[in-house]
Amino acid sequence: MNKQKLWKYTTVVLVTVLMFSLVPEVRLFGLFIDAIGIDMLLLLVETQIAIIFFASYNQLVKPVLSNVNVWLEKIDPYYFLPSIAQIRECPVIVLHAAPFLVGLSFILVV
């Protein structure tokens, strides 16, 4: 069974189940799914999940990571985050983005 037929059958089954509901709002939701299709509904849900994820990342995780970055720059003298232009010019400079790696390699070599 190809993908297009599977989506059609899934949509028909879901709309039928929703139309037999006693709550009028659920029936309207069934008509909404019938109008836009189940694949478009899933795309809308995925978009909302992505927006929530990125918003929570920007508000919760990014400030913590920026504080960790400042703390690592104070502790490790060889640690910094290179820009894309610096990486293109010298790809080995990416090793400086791993905390304590350059200092540890200096100690191991000596």
N, C-alpha and C. Protein backbone atom coordinates (compact mmCIF):
# COMPACT_ATOMS: atom_id res chain seq x y z
N MET A 1 0.86 -1.18 0.00
CA MET A 1 0.00 0.00 0.00
C MET A 1 0.90 1.23 0.00
N ASN A 2 0.62 2.14 -0.92
CA ASN A 2 1.47 3.31 -0.98
C ASN A 2 1.08 4.34 0.10
N LYS A 3 1.93 5.31 0.24
CA LYS A 3 1.79 6.29 1.33
C LYS A 3 0.52 7.13 1.17
N GLN A 4 0.19 7.50 -0.05
CA GLN A 4 -0.97 8.36 -0.28
C GLN A 4 -2.28 7.64 0.10
N LYS A 5 -2.40 6.38 -0.25
CA LYS A 5 -3.60 5.63 0.13
C LYS A 5 -3.70 5.45 1.63
N LEU A 6 -2.55 5.23 2.27
CA LEU A 6 -2.53 5.07 3.72
C LEU A 6 -3.04 6.33 4.41
N TRP A 7 -2.60 7.51 3.94
CA TRP A 7 -3.07 8.76 4.53
C TRP A 7 -4.57 8.95 4.30
N LYS A 8 -5.06 8.58 3.12
CA LYS A 8 -6.49 8.71 2.84
C LYS A 8 -7.31 7.82 3.77
N TYR A 9 -6.90 6.56 3.93
CA TYR A 9 -7.63 5.66 4.81
C TYR A 9 -7.57 6.11 6.26
N THR A 10 -6.40 6.58 6.68
CA THR A 10 -6.28 7.07 8.05
C THR A 10 -7.17 8.28 8.28
N THR A 11 -7.22 9.17 7.32
CA THR A 11 -8.08 10.35 7.43
C THR A 11 -9.55 9.95 7.49
N VAL A 12 -9.95 9.02 6.65
CA VAL A 12 -11.35 8.59 6.64
C VAL A 12 -11.73 7.95 7.97
N VAL A 13 -10.88 7.10 8.50
CA VAL A 13 -11.17 6.44 9.78
C VAL A 13 -11.23 7.46 10.90
N LEU A 14 -10.27 8.38 10.95
CA LEU A 14 -10.25 9.38 12.02
C LEU A 14 -11.47 10.31 11.95
N VAL A 15 -11.81 10.76 10.75
CA VAL A 15 -12.97 11.65 10.60
C VAL A 15 -14.25 10.92 10.96
N THR A 16 -14.35 9.66 10.58
CA THR A 16 -15.55 8.89 10.92
C THR A 16 -15.70 8.73 12.43
N VAL A 17 -14.62 8.41 13.10
CA VAL A 17 -14.67 8.26 14.56
C VAL A 17 -15.04 9.59 15.21
N LEU A 18 -14.48 10.68 14.73
CA LEU A 18 -14.78 11.99 15.32
C LEU A 18 -16.21 12.43 15.02
N MET A 19 -16.74 12.05 13.88
CA MET A 19 -18.11 12.47 13.54
C MET A 19 -19.16 11.73 14.37
N PHE A 20 -18.83 10.55 14.90
CA PHE A 20 -19.76 9.82 15.76
C PHE A 20 -19.73 10.30 17.20
N SER A 21 -18.95 11.31 17.48
CA SER A 21 -18.86 11.84 18.83
C SER A 21 -20.14 12.61 19.17
N LEU A 22 -20.45 12.68 20.46
CA LEU A 22 -21.64 13.41 20.90
C LEU A 22 -21.37 14.89 21.13
N VAL A 23 -20.09 15.26 21.25
CA VAL A 23 -19.72 16.65 21.51
C VAL A 23 -19.62 17.39 20.17
N PRO A 24 -20.32 18.52 20.02
CA PRO A 24 -20.31 19.22 18.73
C PRO A 24 -18.94 19.77 18.34
N GLU A 25 -18.12 20.14 19.33
CA GLU A 25 -16.80 20.68 19.01
C GLU A 25 -15.91 19.62 18.38
N VAL A 26 -16.06 18.40 18.83
CA VAL A 26 -15.26 17.31 18.27
C VAL A 26 -15.71 17.02 16.84
N ARG A 27 -17.00 17.14 16.58
CA ARG A 27 -17.49 16.97 15.21
C ARG A 27 -16.91 18.04 14.29
N LEU A 28 -16.84 19.28 14.79
CA LEU A 28 -16.24 20.35 13.99
C LEU A 28 -14.76 20.09 13.75
N PHE A 29 -14.09 19.51 14.75
CA PHE A 29 -12.69 19.16 14.57
C PHE A 29 -12.54 18.08 13.49
N GLY A 30 -13.48 17.14 13.45
CA GLY A 30 -13.48 16.12 12.40
C GLY A 30 -13.65 16.74 11.02
N LEU A 31 -14.55 17.72 10.91
CA LEU A 31 -14.72 18.42 9.63
C LEU A 31 -13.46 19.21 9.26
N PHE A 32 -12.81 19.78 10.26
CA PHE A 32 -11.58 20.53 10.02
C PHE A 32 -10.49 19.59 9.48
N ILE A 33 -10.38 18.40 10.07
CA ILE A 33 -9.39 17.43 9.59
C ILE A 33 -9.75 16.98 8.19
N ASP A 34 -11.03 16.81 7.93
CA ASP A 34 -11.47 16.40 6.60
C ASP A 34 -11.14 17.48 5.57
N ALA A 35 -11.24 18.73 5.97
CA ALA A 35 -10.98 19.83 5.02
C ALA A 35 -9.49 19.98 4.71
N ILE A 36 -8.64 19.92 5.74
CA ILE A 36 -7.22 20.18 5.49
C ILE A 36 -6.40 18.91 5.30
N GLY A 37 -6.90 17.79 5.76
CA GLY A 37 -6.16 16.54 5.64
C GLY A 37 -5.34 16.28 6.89
N ILE A 38 -5.13 15.00 7.16
CA ILE A 38 -4.42 14.63 8.38
C ILE A 38 -2.93 14.96 8.29
N ASP A 39 -2.36 14.91 7.07
CA ASP A 39 -0.95 15.23 6.94
C ASP A 39 -0.69 16.71 7.23
N MET A 40 -1.61 17.59 6.82
CA MET A 40 -1.46 19.01 7.12
C MET A 40 -1.67 19.27 8.61
N LEU A 41 -2.58 18.54 9.23
CA LEU A 41 -2.78 18.68 10.67
C LEU A 41 -1.53 18.28 11.44
N LEU A 42 -0.91 17.17 11.05
CA LEU A 42 0.32 16.74 11.70
C LEU A 42 1.45 17.74 11.46
N LEU A 43 1.50 18.34 10.29
CA LEU A 43 2.49 19.37 10.02
C LEU A 43 2.28 20.59 10.93
N LEU A 44 1.04 20.98 11.14
CA LEU A 44 0.75 22.09 12.05
C LEU A 44 1.16 21.76 13.49
N VAL A 45 0.91 20.53 13.91
CA VAL A 45 1.30 20.12 15.27
C VAL A 45 2.82 20.10 15.40
N GLU A 46 3.51 19.58 14.40
CA GLU A 46 4.97 19.55 14.44
C GLU A 46 5.55 20.96 14.48
N THR A 47 4.95 21.88 13.75
CA THR A 47 5.41 23.27 13.76
C THR A 47 5.25 23.89 15.14
N GLN A 48 4.13 23.62 15.78
CA GLN A 48 3.93 24.14 17.14
C GLN A 48 4.93 23.55 18.12
N ILE A 49 5.22 22.27 17.99
CA ILE A 49 6.21 21.64 18.87
C ILE A 49 7.59 22.27 18.66
N ALA A 50 7.96 22.51 17.40
CA ALA A 50 9.26 23.14 17.12
C ALA A 50 9.33 24.55 17.69
N ILE A 51 8.25 25.32 17.57
CA ILE A 51 8.23 26.68 18.10
C ILE A 51 8.37 26.66 19.62
N ILE A 52 7.67 25.75 20.28
CA ILE A 52 7.77 25.65 21.74
C ILE A 52 9.18 25.24 22.15
N PHE A 53 9.78 24.29 21.42
CA PHE A 53 11.13 23.84 21.74
C PHE A 53 12.13 24.99 21.60
N PHE A 54 12.10 25.72 20.48
CA PHE A 54 13.08 26.79 20.28
C PHE A 54 12.86 27.95 21.24
N ALA A 55 11.62 28.25 21.57
CA ALA A 55 11.36 29.32 22.54
C ALA A 55 11.88 28.94 23.92
N SER A 56 11.64 27.70 24.33
CA SER A 56 12.14 27.28 25.64
C SER A 56 13.66 27.20 25.64
N TYR A 57 14.26 26.81 24.53
CA TYR A 57 15.72 26.79 24.43
C TYR A 57 16.28 28.20 24.60
N ASN A 58 15.70 29.16 23.90
CA ASN A 58 16.20 30.54 23.98
C ASN A 58 15.99 31.15 25.36
N GLN A 59 14.96 30.77 26.07
CA GLN A 59 14.68 31.38 27.37
C GLN A 59 15.32 30.63 28.53
N LEU A 60 15.48 29.32 28.44
CA LEU A 60 15.97 28.55 29.58
C LEU A 60 17.40 28.04 29.41
N VAL A 61 17.71 27.45 28.28
CA VAL A 61 18.99 26.77 28.12
C VAL A 61 20.09 27.73 27.67
N LYS A 62 19.80 28.61 26.75
CA LYS A 62 20.82 29.48 26.19
C LYS A 62 21.48 30.39 27.24
N PRO A 63 20.74 31.00 28.18
CA PRO A 63 21.41 31.80 29.21
C PRO A 63 22.34 30.97 30.10
N VAL A 64 21.95 29.75 30.41
CA VAL A 64 22.80 28.89 31.23
C VAL A 64 24.07 28.54 30.47
N LEU A 65 23.94 28.20 29.20
CA LEU A 65 25.11 27.86 28.40
C LEU A 65 26.03 29.06 28.22
N SER A 66 25.47 30.25 28.12
CA SER A 66 26.31 31.43 27.99
C SER A 66 27.09 31.69 29.28
N ASN A 67 26.47 31.43 30.44
CA ASN A 67 27.19 31.57 31.70
C ASN A 67 28.29 30.52 31.83
N VAL A 68 28.03 29.30 31.37
CA VAL A 68 29.04 28.25 31.38
C VAL A 68 30.19 28.63 30.46
N ASN A 69 29.89 29.24 29.32
CA ASN A 69 30.92 29.67 28.38
C ASN A 69 31.82 30.72 29.03
N VAL A 70 31.23 31.70 29.71
CA VAL A 70 32.02 32.73 30.39
C VAL A 70 32.89 32.10 31.47
N TRP A 71 32.35 31.17 32.23
CA TRP A 71 33.10 30.50 33.29
C TRP A 71 34.27 29.70 32.71
N LEU A 72 34.04 28.99 31.58
CA LEU A 72 35.11 28.21 30.97
C LEU A 72 36.20 29.12 30.40
N GLU A 73 35.82 30.28 29.87
CA GLU A 73 36.82 31.22 29.36
C GLU A 73 37.71 31.75 30.47
N LYS A 74 37.16 31.89 31.67
CA LYS A 74 37.97 32.35 32.81
C LYS A 74 38.93 31.27 33.29
N ILE A 75 38.51 30.01 33.26
CA ILE A 75 39.32 28.92 33.81
C ILE A 75 40.38 28.43 32.82
N ASP A 76 39.98 28.16 31.59
CA ASP A 76 40.89 27.58 30.60
C ASP A 76 41.41 28.68 29.68
N PRO A 77 42.72 28.96 29.66
CA PRO A 77 43.24 30.04 28.82
C PRO A 77 43.21 29.72 27.33
N TYR A 78 43.12 28.44 26.95
CA TYR A 78 43.10 28.06 25.53
C TYR A 78 41.70 27.85 24.98
N TYR A 79 40.69 28.00 25.80
CA TYR A 79 39.31 27.76 25.38
C TYR A 79 38.72 29.03 24.78
N PHE A 80 38.13 28.92 23.60
CA PHE A 80 37.30 29.98 23.02
C PHE A 80 36.46 29.36 21.92
N LEU A 81 35.40 30.03 21.56
CA LEU A 81 34.53 29.56 20.49
C LEU A 81 34.90 30.30 19.20
N PRO A 82 35.49 29.60 18.24
CA PRO A 82 35.88 30.27 17.00
C PRO A 82 34.68 30.54 16.11
N SER A 83 34.83 31.57 15.28
CA SER A 83 33.77 31.89 14.33
C SER A 83 33.88 30.97 13.11
N ILE A 84 32.88 31.02 12.26
CA ILE A 84 32.87 30.18 11.06
C ILE A 84 34.02 30.57 10.13
N ALA A 85 34.30 31.87 10.03
CA ALA A 85 35.41 32.32 9.18
C ALA A 85 36.74 31.79 9.69
N GLN A 86 36.93 31.78 11.00
CA GLN A 86 38.16 31.24 11.57
C GLN A 86 38.27 29.74 11.33
N ILE A 87 37.17 29.03 11.41
CA ILE A 87 37.18 27.58 11.16
C ILE A 87 37.49 27.29 9.71
N ARG A 88 36.97 28.08 8.79
CA ARG A 88 37.27 27.87 7.37
C ARG A 88 38.74 28.14 7.08
N GLU A 89 39.30 29.12 7.76
CA GLU A 89 40.71 29.45 7.53
C GLU A 89 41.64 28.39 8.14
N CYS A 90 41.31 27.92 9.33
CA CYS A 90 42.15 26.94 10.02
C CYS A 90 41.23 25.94 10.74
N PRO A 91 40.91 24.81 10.11
CA PRO A 91 39.95 23.87 10.70
C PRO A 91 40.39 23.26 12.04
N VAL A 92 41.69 23.22 12.31
CA VAL A 92 42.18 22.61 13.54
C VAL A 92 41.81 23.46 14.75
N ILE A 93 41.46 24.71 14.53
CA ILE A 93 41.12 25.61 15.63
C ILE A 93 39.85 25.17 16.37
N VAL A 94 39.10 24.24 15.77
CA VAL A 94 37.90 23.70 16.43
C VAL A 94 38.27 23.01 17.74
N LEU A 95 39.47 22.51 17.84
CA LEU A 95 39.91 21.84 19.07
C LEU A 95 39.90 22.79 20.26
N HIS A 96 40.02 24.08 20.03
CA HIS A 96 39.98 25.04 21.12
C HIS A 96 38.58 25.16 21.72
N ALA A 97 37.56 24.71 21.02
CA ALA A 97 36.20 24.80 21.52
C ALA A 97 35.88 23.68 22.52
N ALA A 98 36.75 22.69 22.62
CA ALA A 98 36.57 21.62 23.62
C ALA A 98 37.31 22.04 24.88
N PRO A 99 36.61 22.22 25.99
CA PRO A 99 37.26 22.71 27.20
C PRO A 99 38.35 21.75 27.69
N PHE A 100 39.46 22.30 28.08
CA PHE A 100 40.60 21.61 28.68
C PHE A 100 41.31 20.65 27.73
N LEU A 101 40.92 20.57 26.46
CA LEU A 101 41.54 19.63 25.54
C LEU A 101 42.94 20.09 25.15
N VAL A 102 43.11 21.35 24.81
CA VAL A 102 44.41 21.85 24.37
C VAL A 102 45.39 21.83 25.53
N GLY A 103 44.98 22.29 26.69
CA GLY A 103 45.87 22.27 27.85
C GLY A 103 46.27 20.86 28.24
N LEU A 104 45.31 19.93 28.19
CA LEU A 104 45.60 18.54 28.52
C LEU A 104 46.55 17.92 27.51
N SER A 105 46.39 18.25 26.24
CA SER A 105 47.30 17.71 25.22
C SER A 105 48.70 18.27 25.40
N PHE A 106 48.84 19.55 25.82
CA PHE A 106 50.16 20.10 26.11
C PHE A 106 50.81 19.34 27.25
N ILE A 107 50.05 19.03 28.28
CA ILE A 107 50.59 18.31 29.44
C ILE A 107 51.00 16.88 29.02
N LEU A 108 50.20 16.22 28.21
CA LEU A 108 50.51 14.85 27.80
C LEU A 108 51.72 14.80 26.87
N VAL A 109 51.90 15.80 26.03
CA VAL A 109 53.03 15.83 25.11
C VAL A 109 54.32 16.06 25.90
N VAL A 110 54.28 16.96 26.87
CA VAL A 110 55.48 17.26 27.66
C VAL A 110 55.71 16.10 28.59
